[in-house]
Amino acid sequence: MSLDERFNKAAESVKNLKASPSNDDLLELYAFFKQGSIGDVNTERPGMLDLKGKAKWDSWSSKKGMSSDEAKEKYIAKADALIASIGLK
Protein backbone atom coordinates (compact mmCIF):
# COMPACT_ATOMS: atom_id res chain seq x y z
CA MET A 1 0.00 0.00 0.00
CA SER A 2 1.40 3.42 -0.93
CA LEU A 3 1.99 6.22 1.56
CA ASP A 4 -0.95 8.21 0.17
CA GLU A 5 -3.25 5.18 0.47
CA ARG A 6 -2.16 4.58 4.08
CA PHE A 7 -2.60 8.31 4.83
CA ASN A 8 -6.14 8.37 3.41
CA LYS A 9 -7.05 5.14 5.22
CA ALA A 10 -5.80 6.59 8.53
CA ALA A 11 -7.80 9.79 7.92
CA GLU A 12 -10.97 7.73 7.40
CA SER A 13 -10.27 5.53 10.44
CA VAL A 14 -9.85 8.53 12.76
CA LYS A 15 -13.42 9.57 11.95
CA ASN A 16 -14.65 6.30 13.49
CA LEU A 17 -12.98 6.41 16.91
CA LYS A 18 -15.18 5.25 19.82
CA ALA A 19 -14.53 8.49 21.71
CA SER A 20 -13.20 11.89 20.84
CA PRO A 21 -9.44 12.31 21.40
CA SER A 22 -8.11 15.11 23.60
CA ASN A 23 -7.84 18.61 22.15
CA ASP A 24 -4.06 18.27 22.02
CA ASP A 25 -4.34 15.04 20.05
CA LEU A 26 -6.87 16.61 17.68
CA LEU A 27 -4.61 19.63 17.11
CA GLU A 28 -1.65 17.37 16.40
CA LEU A 29 -3.67 15.29 13.94
CA TYR A 30 -4.90 18.48 12.27
CA ALA A 31 -1.37 19.88 11.95
CA PHE A 32 0.07 16.68 10.48
CA PHE A 33 -2.88 16.35 8.09
CA LYS A 34 -2.58 19.92 6.82
CA GLN A 35 1.22 19.73 6.53
CA GLY A 36 0.95 16.39 4.71
CA SER A 37 -1.76 17.48 2.31
CA ILE A 38 -1.02 21.21 1.76
CA GLY A 39 2.48 21.91 3.09
CA ASP A 40 3.57 24.92 5.11
CA VAL A 41 0.84 27.15 6.52
CA ASN A 42 -0.35 29.45 3.74
CA THR A 43 -2.86 31.73 5.47
CA GLU A 44 -2.73 34.64 7.88
CA ARG A 45 -3.05 33.86 11.59
CA PRO A 46 -6.68 34.32 12.71
CA GLY A 47 -7.62 37.29 14.88
CA MET A 48 -7.48 37.32 18.65
CA LEU A 49 -11.18 36.48 19.08
CA ASP A 50 -10.93 33.26 17.04
CA LEU A 51 -9.35 31.10 19.75
CA LYS A 52 -10.02 27.78 18.01
CA GLY A 53 -8.73 29.08 14.68
CA LYS A 54 -5.58 30.44 16.32
CA ALA A 55 -4.90 27.14 18.08
CA LYS A 56 -5.28 25.24 14.81
CA TRP A 57 -3.12 27.74 12.91
CA ASP A 58 -0.40 27.66 15.60
CA SER A 59 -0.36 23.88 15.61
CA TRP A 60 -0.05 23.71 11.82
CA SER A 61 2.57 26.47 11.79
CA SER A 62 4.66 24.48 14.29
CA LYS A 63 5.19 21.85 11.57
CA LYS A 64 6.63 24.41 9.12
CA GLY A 65 9.45 22.96 7.04
CA MET A 66 8.42 19.33 7.62
CA SER A 67 8.21 17.37 4.39
CA SER A 68 4.84 16.15 3.17
CA ASP A 69 5.93 12.52 3.42
CA GLU A 70 7.23 12.93 6.98
CA ALA A 71 3.99 14.63 8.04
CA LYS A 72 1.94 11.82 6.48
CA GLU A 73 4.04 9.18 8.29
CA LYS A 74 3.59 11.02 11.61
CA TYR A 75 -0.15 11.38 10.98
CA ILE A 76 -0.44 7.64 10.33
CA ALA A 77 1.55 6.85 13.49
CA LYS A 78 -0.59 9.22 15.59
CA ALA A 79 -3.81 7.77 14.14
CA ASP A 80 -2.61 4.22 14.83
CA ALA A 81 -1.78 5.15 18.43
CA LEU A 82 -5.22 6.69 18.96
CA ILE A 83 -6.94 3.68 17.40
CA ALA A 84 -4.96 1.38 19.71
CA SER A 85 -5.83 3.39 22.83
CA ILE A 86 -9.42 4.44 22.05
CA GLY A 87 -10.62 1.84 19.57
CA LEU A 88 -12.96 2.06 16.62
CA LYS A 89 -16.77 2.04 16.61
PDB file of N, CA and C in Angstrom:
ATOM      1  N   MET A   1       0.853  -1.182   0.000  1.00  0.00           N
ATOM      2  CA  MET A   1       0.000   0.000   0.000  1.00  0.00           C
ATOM      3  C   MET A   1       0.900   1.247   0.000  1.00  0.00           C
ATOM      4  N   SER A   2       0.591   2.208  -0.837  1.00  0.00           N
ATOM      5  CA  SER A   2       1.402   3.421  -0.935  1.00  0.00           C
ATOM      6  C   SER A   2       1.192   4.317   0.285  1.00  0.00           C
ATOM      7  N   LEU A   3       2.086   5.274   0.444  1.00  0.00           N
ATOM      8  CA  LEU A   3       1.987   6.217   1.562  1.00  0.00           C
ATOM      9  C   LEU A   3       0.669   6.984   1.499  1.00  0.00           C
ATOM     10  N   ASP A   4       0.305   7.457   0.310  1.00  0.00           N
ATOM     11  CA  ASP A   4      -0.953   8.208   0.174  1.00  0.00           C
ATOM     12  C   ASP A   4      -2.163   7.344   0.523  1.00  0.00           C
ATOM     13  N   GLU A   5      -2.142   6.084   0.137  1.00  0.00           N
ATOM     14  CA  GLU A   5      -3.255   5.182   0.468  1.00  0.00           C
ATOM     15  C   GLU A   5      -3.332   4.962   1.978  1.00  0.00           C
ATOM     16  N   ARG A   6      -2.186   4.761   2.618  1.00  0.00           N
ATOM     17  CA  ARG A   6      -2.159   4.579   4.075  1.00  0.00           C
ATOM     18  C   ARG A   6      -2.628   5.848   4.787  1.00  0.00           C
ATOM     19  N   PHE A   7      -2.213   7.009   4.273  1.00  0.00           N
ATOM     20  CA  PHE A   7      -2.599   8.306   4.833  1.00  0.00           C
ATOM     21  C   PHE A   7      -4.115   8.487   4.750  1.00  0.00           C
ATOM     22  N   ASN A   8      -4.688   8.225   3.596  1.00  0.00           N
ATOM     23  CA  ASN A   8      -6.138   8.369   3.411  1.00  0.00           C
ATOM     24  C   ASN A   8      -6.915   7.373   4.263  1.00  0.00           C
ATOM     25  N   LYS A   9      -6.398   6.159   4.389  1.00  0.00           N
ATOM     26  CA  LYS A   9      -7.049   5.137   5.221  1.00  0.00           C
ATOM     27  C   LYS A   9      -7.032   5.572   6.694  1.00  0.00           C
ATOM     28  N   ALA A  10      -5.903   6.125   7.144  1.00  0.00           N
ATOM     29  CA  ALA A  10      -5.801   6.590   8.530  1.00  0.00           C
ATOM     30  C   ALA A  10      -6.768   7.748   8.767  1.00  0.00           C
ATOM     31  N   ALA A  11      -6.889   8.644   7.790  1.00  0.00           N
ATOM     32  CA  ALA A  11      -7.804   9.787   7.923  1.00  0.00           C
ATOM     33  C   ALA A  11      -9.249   9.311   8.046  1.00  0.00           C
ATOM     34  N   GLU A  12      -9.616   8.284   7.306  1.00  0.00           N
ATOM     35  CA  GLU A  12     -10.970   7.731   7.404  1.00  0.00           C
ATOM     36  C   GLU A  12     -11.171   7.011   8.741  1.00  0.00           C
ATOM     37  N   SER A  13     -10.170   6.271   9.180  1.00  0.00           N
ATOM     38  CA  SER A  13     -10.273   5.526  10.443  1.00  0.00           C
ATOM     39  C   SER A  13     -10.456   6.453  11.637  1.00  0.00           C
ATOM     40  N   VAL A  14      -9.772   7.589  11.636  1.00  0.00           N
ATOM     41  CA  VAL A  14      -9.848   8.533  12.759  1.00  0.00           C
ATOM     42  C   VAL A  14     -11.279   9.046  12.936  1.00  0.00           C
ATOM     43  N   LYS A  15     -12.029   9.103  11.875  1.00  0.00           N
ATOM     44  CA  LYS A  15     -13.423   9.571  11.951  1.00  0.00           C
ATOM     45  C   LYS A  15     -14.312   8.578  12.684  1.00  0.00           C
ATOM     46  N   ASN A  16     -13.834   7.352  12.871  1.00  0.00           N
ATOM     47  CA  ASN A  16     -14.645   6.302  13.488  1.00  0.00           C
ATOM     48  C   ASN A  16     -14.134   5.853  14.856  1.00  0.00           C
ATOM     49  N   LEU A  17     -13.447   6.744  15.559  1.00  0.00           N
ATOM     50  CA  LEU A  17     -12.984   6.412  16.906  1.00  0.00           C
ATOM     51  C   LEU A  17     -14.192   6.308  17.845  1.00  0.00           C
ATOM     52  N   LYS A  18     -14.084   5.429  18.851  1.00  0.00           N
ATOM     53  CA  LYS A  18     -15.176   5.245  19.823  1.00  0.00           C
ATOM     54  C   LYS A  18     -15.453   6.513  20.619  1.00  0.00           C
ATOM     55  N   ALA A  19     -14.398   7.258  20.927  1.00  0.00           N
ATOM     56  CA  ALA A  19     -14.529   8.489  21.705  1.00  0.00           C
ATOM     57  C   ALA A  19     -13.660   9.563  21.061  1.00  0.00           C
ATOM     58  N   SER A  20     -13.971  10.789  21.398  1.00  0.00           N
ATOM     59  CA  SER A  20     -13.196  11.895  20.841  1.00  0.00           C
ATOM     60  C   SER A  20     -11.840  11.991  21.543  1.00  0.00           C
ATOM     61  N   PRO A  21     -10.755  12.144  20.774  1.00  0.00           N
ATOM     62  CA  PRO A  21      -9.440  12.315  21.395  1.00  0.00           C
ATOM     63  C   PRO A  21      -9.358  13.656  22.124  1.00  0.00           C
ATOM     64  N   SER A  22      -8.309  13.840  22.888  1.00  0.00           N
ATOM     65  CA  SER A  22      -8.105  15.113  23.597  1.00  0.00           C
ATOM     66  C   SER A  22      -7.890  16.235  22.581  1.00  0.00           C
ATOM     67  N   ASN A  23      -8.075  17.465  23.035  1.00  0.00           N
ATOM     68  CA  ASN A  23      -7.843  18.613  22.150  1.00  0.00           C
ATOM     69  C   ASN A  23      -6.420  18.638  21.619  1.00  0.00           C
ATOM     70  N   ASP A  24      -5.459  18.297  22.465  1.00  0.00           N
ATOM     71  CA  ASP A  24      -4.059  18.273  22.024  1.00  0.00           C
ATOM     72  C   ASP A  24      -3.847  17.244  20.918  1.00  0.00           C
ATOM     73  N   ASP A  25      -4.453  16.067  21.082  1.00  0.00           N
ATOM     74  CA  ASP A  25      -4.341  15.036  20.047  1.00  0.00           C
ATOM     75  C   ASP A  25      -5.006  15.488  18.746  1.00  0.00           C
ATOM     76  N   LEU A  26      -6.170  16.122  18.873  1.00  0.00           N
ATOM     77  CA  LEU A  26      -6.866  16.614  17.681  1.00  0.00           C
ATOM     78  C   LEU A  26      -6.048  17.686  16.957  1.00  0.00           C
ATOM     79  N   LEU A  27      -5.432  18.593  17.716  1.00  0.00           N
ATOM     80  CA  LEU A  27      -4.608  19.632  17.109  1.00  0.00           C
ATOM     81  C   LEU A  27      -3.392  19.036  16.400  1.00  0.00           C
ATOM     82  N   GLU A  28      -2.814  18.016  17.018  1.00  0.00           N
ATOM     83  CA  GLU A  28      -1.649  17.370  16.400  1.00  0.00           C
ATOM     84  C   GLU A  28      -2.052  16.648  15.114  1.00  0.00           C
ATOM     85  N   LEU A  29      -3.172  15.936  15.156  1.00  0.00           N
ATOM     86  CA  LEU A  29      -3.673  15.288  13.940  1.00  0.00           C
ATOM     87  C   LEU A  29      -3.931  16.314  12.846  1.00  0.00           C
ATOM     88  N   TYR A  30      -4.580  17.411  13.223  1.00  0.00           N
ATOM     89  CA  TYR A  30      -4.897  18.477  12.269  1.00  0.00           C
ATOM     90  C   TYR A  30      -3.620  19.009  11.626  1.00  0.00           C
ATOM     91  N   ALA A  31      -2.618  19.297  12.455  1.00  0.00           N
ATOM     92  CA  ALA A  31      -1.373  19.877  11.946  1.00  0.00           C
ATOM     93  C   ALA A  31      -0.661  18.925  10.990  1.00  0.00           C
ATOM     94  N   PHE A  32      -0.571  17.651  11.368  1.00  0.00           N
ATOM     95  CA  PHE A  32       0.073  16.679  10.482  1.00  0.00           C
ATOM     96  C   PHE A  32      -0.722  16.501   9.185  1.00  0.00           C
ATOM     97  N   PHE A  33      -2.054  16.507   9.287  1.00  0.00           N
ATOM     98  CA  PHE A  33      -2.882  16.351   8.094  1.00  0.00           C
ATOM     99  C   PHE A  33      -2.671  17.523   7.137  1.00  0.00           C
ATOM    100  N   LYS A  34      -2.738  18.735   7.670  1.00  0.00           N
ATOM    101  CA  LYS A  34      -2.579  19.924   6.823  1.00  0.00           C
ATOM    102  C   LYS A  34      -1.169  19.983   6.228  1.00  0.00           C
ATOM    103  N   GLN A  35      -0.160  19.684   7.029  1.00  0.00           N
ATOM    104  CA  GLN A  35       1.217  19.726   6.534  1.00  0.00           C
ATOM    105  C   GLN A  35       1.432  18.647   5.470  1.00  0.00           C
ATOM    106  N   GLY A  36       0.812  17.483   5.676  1.00  0.00           N
ATOM    107  CA  GLY A  36       0.951  16.394   4.710  1.00  0.00           C
ATOM    108  C   GLY A  36       0.193  16.629   3.427  1.00  0.00           C
ATOM    109  N   SER A  37      -0.937  17.311   3.501  1.00  0.00           N
ATOM    110  CA  SER A  37      -1.760  17.485   2.307  1.00  0.00           C
ATOM    111  C   SER A  37      -1.554  18.822   1.610  1.00  0.00           C
ATOM    112  N   ILE A  38      -1.175  19.874   2.352  1.00  0.00           N
ATOM    113  CA  ILE A  38      -1.020  21.207   1.762  1.00  0.00           C
ATOM    114  C   ILE A  38       0.426  21.683   1.804  1.00  0.00           C
ATOM    115  N   GLY A  39       1.120  21.398   2.893  1.00  0.00           N
ATOM    116  CA  GLY A  39       2.475  21.906   3.087  1.00  0.00           C
ATOM    117  C   GLY A  39       2.467  22.981   4.158  1.00  0.00           C
ATOM    118  N   ASP A  40       3.460  23.861   4.099  1.00  0.00           N
ATOM    119  CA  ASP A  40       3.574  24.923   5.112  1.00  0.00           C
ATOM    120  C   ASP A  40       2.314  25.794   5.134  1.00  0.00           C
ATOM    121  N   VAL A  41       2.016  26.293   6.329  1.00  0.00           N
ATOM    122  CA  VAL A  41       0.844  27.149   6.520  1.00  0.00           C
ATOM    123  C   VAL A  41       0.865  28.274   5.486  1.00  0.00           C
ATOM    124  N   ASN A  42      -0.290  28.504   4.855  1.00  0.00           N
ATOM    125  CA  ASN A  42      -0.352  29.455   3.740  1.00  0.00           C
ATOM    126  C   ASN A  42      -1.430  30.519   3.931  1.00  0.00           C
ATOM    127  N   THR A  43      -1.837  30.739   5.176  1.00  0.00           N
ATOM    128  CA  THR A  43      -2.859  31.735   5.472  1.00  0.00           C
ATOM    129  C   THR A  43      -2.366  32.631   6.601  1.00  0.00           C
ATOM    130  N   GLU A  44      -3.046  33.740   6.758  1.00  0.00           N
ATOM    131  CA  GLU A  44      -2.733  34.636   7.876  1.00  0.00           C
ATOM    132  C   GLU A  44      -3.255  34.018   9.171  1.00  0.00           C
ATOM    133  N   ARG A  45      -2.595  34.342  10.280  1.00  0.00           N
ATOM    134  CA  ARG A  45      -3.054  33.857  11.586  1.00  0.00           C
ATOM    135  C   ARG A  45      -4.387  34.528  11.913  1.00  0.00           C
ATOM    136  N   PRO A  46      -5.375  33.750  12.366  1.00  0.00           N
ATOM    137  CA  PRO A  46      -6.684  34.322  12.711  1.00  0.00           C
ATOM    138  C   PRO A  46      -6.566  35.386  13.805  1.00  0.00           C
ATOM    139  N   GLY A  47      -7.592  36.219  13.891  1.00  0.00           N
ATOM    140  CA  GLY A  47      -7.622  37.291  14.876  1.00  0.00           C
ATOM    141  C   GLY A  47      -7.722  36.786  16.299  1.00  0.00           C
ATOM    142  N   MET A  48      -7.557  37.712  17.240  1.00  0.00           N
ATOM    143  CA  MET A  48      -7.476  37.320  18.645  1.00  0.00           C
ATOM    144  C   MET A  48      -8.782  36.763  19.205  1.00  0.00           C
ATOM    145  N   LEU A  49      -9.908  37.009  18.576  1.00  0.00           N
ATOM    146  CA  LEU A  49     -11.178  36.483  19.079  1.00  0.00           C
ATOM    147  C   LEU A  49     -11.469  35.068  18.589  1.00  0.00           C
ATOM    148  N   ASP A  50     -10.736  34.609  17.587  1.00  0.00           N
ATOM    149  CA  ASP A  50     -10.925  33.259  17.045  1.00  0.00           C
ATOM    150  C   ASP A  50      -9.941  32.302  17.727  1.00  0.00           C
ATOM    151  N   LEU A  51     -10.271  31.921  18.955  1.00  0.00           N
ATOM    152  CA  LEU A  51      -9.355  31.096  19.747  1.00  0.00           C
ATOM    153  C   LEU A  51      -9.109  29.729  19.119  1.00  0.00           C
ATOM    154  N   LYS A  52     -10.165  29.095  18.635  1.00  0.00           N
ATOM    155  CA  LYS A  52     -10.020  27.775  18.011  1.00  0.00           C
ATOM    156  C   LYS A  52      -9.187  27.882  16.733  1.00  0.00           C
ATOM    157  N   GLY A  53      -9.477  28.879  15.923  1.00  0.00           N
ATOM    158  CA  GLY A  53      -8.731  29.083  14.683  1.00  0.00           C
ATOM    159  C   GLY A  53      -7.257  29.355  14.940  1.00  0.00           C
ATOM    160  N   LYS A  54      -6.971  30.151  15.976  1.00  0.00           N
ATOM    161  CA  LYS A  54      -5.577  30.441  16.321  1.00  0.00           C
ATOM    162  C   LYS A  54      -4.855  29.183  16.782  1.00  0.00           C
ATOM    163  N   ALA A  55      -5.522  28.369  17.591  1.00  0.00           N
ATOM    164  CA  ALA A  55      -4.901  27.138  18.082  1.00  0.00           C
ATOM    165  C   ALA A  55      -4.574  26.207  16.913  1.00  0.00           C
ATOM    166  N   LYS A  56      -5.506  26.088  15.972  1.00  0.00           N
ATOM    167  CA  LYS A  56      -5.278  25.237  14.808  1.00  0.00           C
ATOM    168  C   LYS A  56      -4.144  25.791  13.947  1.00  0.00           C
ATOM    169  N   TRP A  57      -4.156  27.108  13.726  1.00  0.00           N
ATOM    170  CA  TRP A  57      -3.117  27.736  12.910  1.00  0.00           C
ATOM    171  C   TRP A  57      -1.748  27.563  13.559  1.00  0.00           C
ATOM    172  N   ASP A  58      -1.674  27.793  14.879  1.00  0.00           N
ATOM    173  CA  ASP A  58      -0.404  27.662  15.597  1.00  0.00           C
ATOM    174  C   ASP A  58       0.124  26.231  15.531  1.00  0.00           C
ATOM    175  N   SER A  59      -0.771  25.271  15.666  1.00  0.00           N
ATOM    176  CA  SER A  59      -0.363  23.875  15.609  1.00  0.00           C
ATOM    177  C   SER A  59       0.195  23.529  14.228  1.00  0.00           C
ATOM    178  N   TRP A  60      -0.513  23.963  13.192  1.00  0.00           N
ATOM    179  CA  TRP A  60      -0.048  23.712  11.822  1.00  0.00           C
ATOM    180  C   TRP A  60       1.267  24.438  11.561  1.00  0.00           C
ATOM    181  N   SER A  61       1.355  25.673  12.007  1.00  0.00           N
ATOM    182  CA  SER A  61       2.568  26.472  11.794  1.00  0.00           C
ATOM    183  C   SER A  61       3.782  25.843  12.483  1.00  0.00           C
ATOM    184  N   SER A  62       3.557  25.117  13.570  1.00  0.00           N
ATOM    185  CA  SER A  62       4.664  24.477  14.292  1.00  0.00           C
ATOM    186  C   SER A  62       5.316  23.364  13.477  1.00  0.00           C
ATOM    187  N   LYS A  63       4.653  22.921  12.423  1.00  0.00           N
ATOM    188  CA  LYS A  63       5.191  21.852  11.568  1.00  0.00           C
ATOM    189  C   LYS A  63       5.891  22.422  10.331  1.00  0.00           C
ATOM    190  N   LYS A  64       6.034  23.734  10.279  1.00  0.00           N
ATOM    191  CA  LYS A  64       6.634  24.409   9.119  1.00  0.00           C
ATOM    192  C   LYS A  64       7.992  23.799   8.778  1.00  0.00           C
ATOM    193  N   GLY A  65       8.189  23.523   7.497  1.00  0.00           N
ATOM    194  CA  GLY A  65       9.447  22.956   7.040  1.00  0.00           C
ATOM    195  C   GLY A  65       9.463  21.436   7.002  1.00  0.00           C
ATOM    196  N   MET A  66       8.494  20.791   7.646  1.00  0.00           N
ATOM    197  CA  MET A  66       8.419  19.333   7.625  1.00  0.00           C
ATOM    198  C   MET A  66       7.967  18.888   6.234  1.00  0.00           C
ATOM    199  N   SER A  67       8.594  17.852   5.715  1.00  0.00           N
ATOM    200  CA  SER A  67       8.206  17.365   4.389  1.00  0.00           C
ATOM    201  C   SER A  67       6.816  16.745   4.433  1.00  0.00           C
ATOM    202  N   SER A  68       6.172  16.731   3.286  1.00  0.00           N
ATOM    203  CA  SER A  68       4.842  16.153   3.173  1.00  0.00           C
ATOM    204  C   SER A  68       4.855  14.680   3.576  1.00  0.00           C
ATOM    205  N   ASP A  69       5.853  13.940   3.097  1.00  0.00           N
ATOM    206  CA  ASP A  69       5.932  12.517   3.415  1.00  0.00           C
ATOM    207  C   ASP A  69       6.145  12.273   4.906  1.00  0.00           C
ATOM    208  N   GLU A  70       6.999  13.085   5.542  1.00  0.00           N
ATOM    209  CA  GLU A  70       7.233  12.933   6.982  1.00  0.00           C
ATOM    210  C   GLU A  70       5.954  13.234   7.761  1.00  0.00           C
ATOM    211  N   ALA A  71       5.240  14.284   7.353  1.00  0.00           N
ATOM    212  CA  ALA A  71       3.991  14.633   8.037  1.00  0.00           C
ATOM    213  C   ALA A  71       2.963  13.520   7.884  1.00  0.00           C
ATOM    214  N   LYS A  72       2.879  12.924   6.704  1.00  0.00           N
ATOM    215  CA  LYS A  72       1.940  11.815   6.481  1.00  0.00           C
ATOM    216  C   LYS A  72       2.300  10.625   7.355  1.00  0.00           C
ATOM    217  N   GLU A  73       3.592  10.304   7.441  1.00  0.00           N
ATOM    218  CA  GLU A  73       4.038   9.182   8.291  1.00  0.00           C
ATOM    219  C   GLU A  73       3.685   9.447   9.758  1.00  0.00           C
ATOM    220  N   LYS A  74       3.901  10.685  10.218  1.00  0.00           N
ATOM    221  CA  LYS A  74       3.594  11.023  11.613  1.00  0.00           C
ATOM    222  C   LYS A  74       2.081  11.012  11.859  1.00  0.00           C
ATOM    223  N   TYR A  75       1.305  11.427  10.862  1.00  0.00           N
ATOM    224  CA  TYR A  75      -0.152  11.382  10.980  1.00  0.00           C
ATOM    225  C   TYR A  75      -0.609   9.931  11.128  1.00  0.00           C
ATOM    226  N   ILE A  76      -0.079   9.064  10.284  1.00  0.00           N
ATOM    227  CA  ILE A  76      -0.444   7.643  10.330  1.00  0.00           C
ATOM    228  C   ILE A  76      -0.075   7.047  11.690  1.00  0.00           C
ATOM    229  N   ALA A  77       1.117   7.363  12.188  1.00  0.00           N
ATOM    230  CA  ALA A  77       1.551   6.848  13.492  1.00  0.00           C
ATOM    231  C   ALA A  77       0.648   7.357  14.609  1.00  0.00           C
ATOM    232  N   LYS A  78       0.281   8.639  14.569  1.00  0.00           N
ATOM    233  CA  LYS A  78      -0.594   9.218  15.595  1.00  0.00           C
ATOM    234  C   LYS A  78      -1.978   8.573  15.530  1.00  0.00           C
ATOM    235  N   ALA A  79      -2.501   8.402  14.313  1.00  0.00           N
ATOM    236  CA  ALA A  79      -3.805   7.768  14.142  1.00  0.00           C
ATOM    237  C   ALA A  79      -3.787   6.340  14.667  1.00  0.00           C
ATOM    238  N   ASP A  80      -2.724   5.598  14.351  1.00  0.00           N
ATOM    239  CA  ASP A  80      -2.611   4.217  14.831  1.00  0.00           C
ATOM    240  C   ASP A  80      -2.579   4.164  16.356  1.00  0.00           C
ATOM    241  N   ALA A  81      -1.855   5.108  16.965  1.00  0.00           N
ATOM    242  CA  ALA A  81      -1.775   5.151  18.433  1.00  0.00           C
ATOM    243  C   ALA A  81      -3.146   5.447  19.049  1.00  0.00           C
ATOM    244  N   LEU A  82      -3.889   6.362  18.442  1.00  0.00           N
ATOM    245  CA  LEU A  82      -5.220   6.688  18.961  1.00  0.00           C
ATOM    246  C   LEU A  82      -6.180   5.512  18.779  1.00  0.00           C
ATOM    247  N   ILE A  83      -6.090   4.851  17.648  1.00  0.00           N
ATOM    248  CA  ILE A  83      -6.940   3.675  17.405  1.00  0.00           C
ATOM    249  C   ILE A  83      -6.646   2.591  18.427  1.00  0.00           C
ATOM    250  N   ALA A  84      -5.362   2.393  18.725  1.00  0.00           N
ATOM    251  CA  ALA A  84      -4.963   1.380  19.708  1.00  0.00           C
ATOM    252  C   ALA A  84      -5.464   1.727  21.110  1.00  0.00           C
ATOM    253  N   SER A  85      -5.435   3.012  21.474  1.00  0.00           N
ATOM    254  CA  SER A  85      -5.830   3.386  22.830  1.00  0.00           C
ATOM    255  C   SER A  85      -7.327   3.614  22.990  1.00  0.00           C
ATOM    256  N   ILE A  86      -7.992   4.134  21.959  1.00  0.00           N
ATOM    257  CA  ILE A  86      -9.419   4.445  22.053  1.00  0.00           C
ATOM    258  C   ILE A  86     -10.288   3.374  21.425  1.00  0.00           C
ATOM    259  N   GLY A  87      -9.845   2.854  20.300  1.00  0.00           N
ATOM    260  CA  GLY A  87     -10.625   1.835  19.575  1.00  0.00           C
ATOM    261  C   GLY A  87     -11.556   2.459  18.561  1.00  0.00           C
ATOM    262  N   LEU A  88     -12.034   1.619  17.658  1.00  0.00           N
ATOM    263  CA  LEU A  88     -12.960   2.064  16.616  1.00  0.00           C
ATOM    264  C   LEU A  88     -14.375   1.646  16.961  1.00  0.00           C
ATOM    265  N   LYS A  89     -15.338   2.359  16.403  1.00  0.00           N
ATOM    266  CA  LYS A  89     -16.770   2.044  16.607  1.00  0.00           C
ATOM    267  C   LYS A  89     -17.080   0.686  16.012  1.00  0.00           C
TER     268      LYS A  89
END
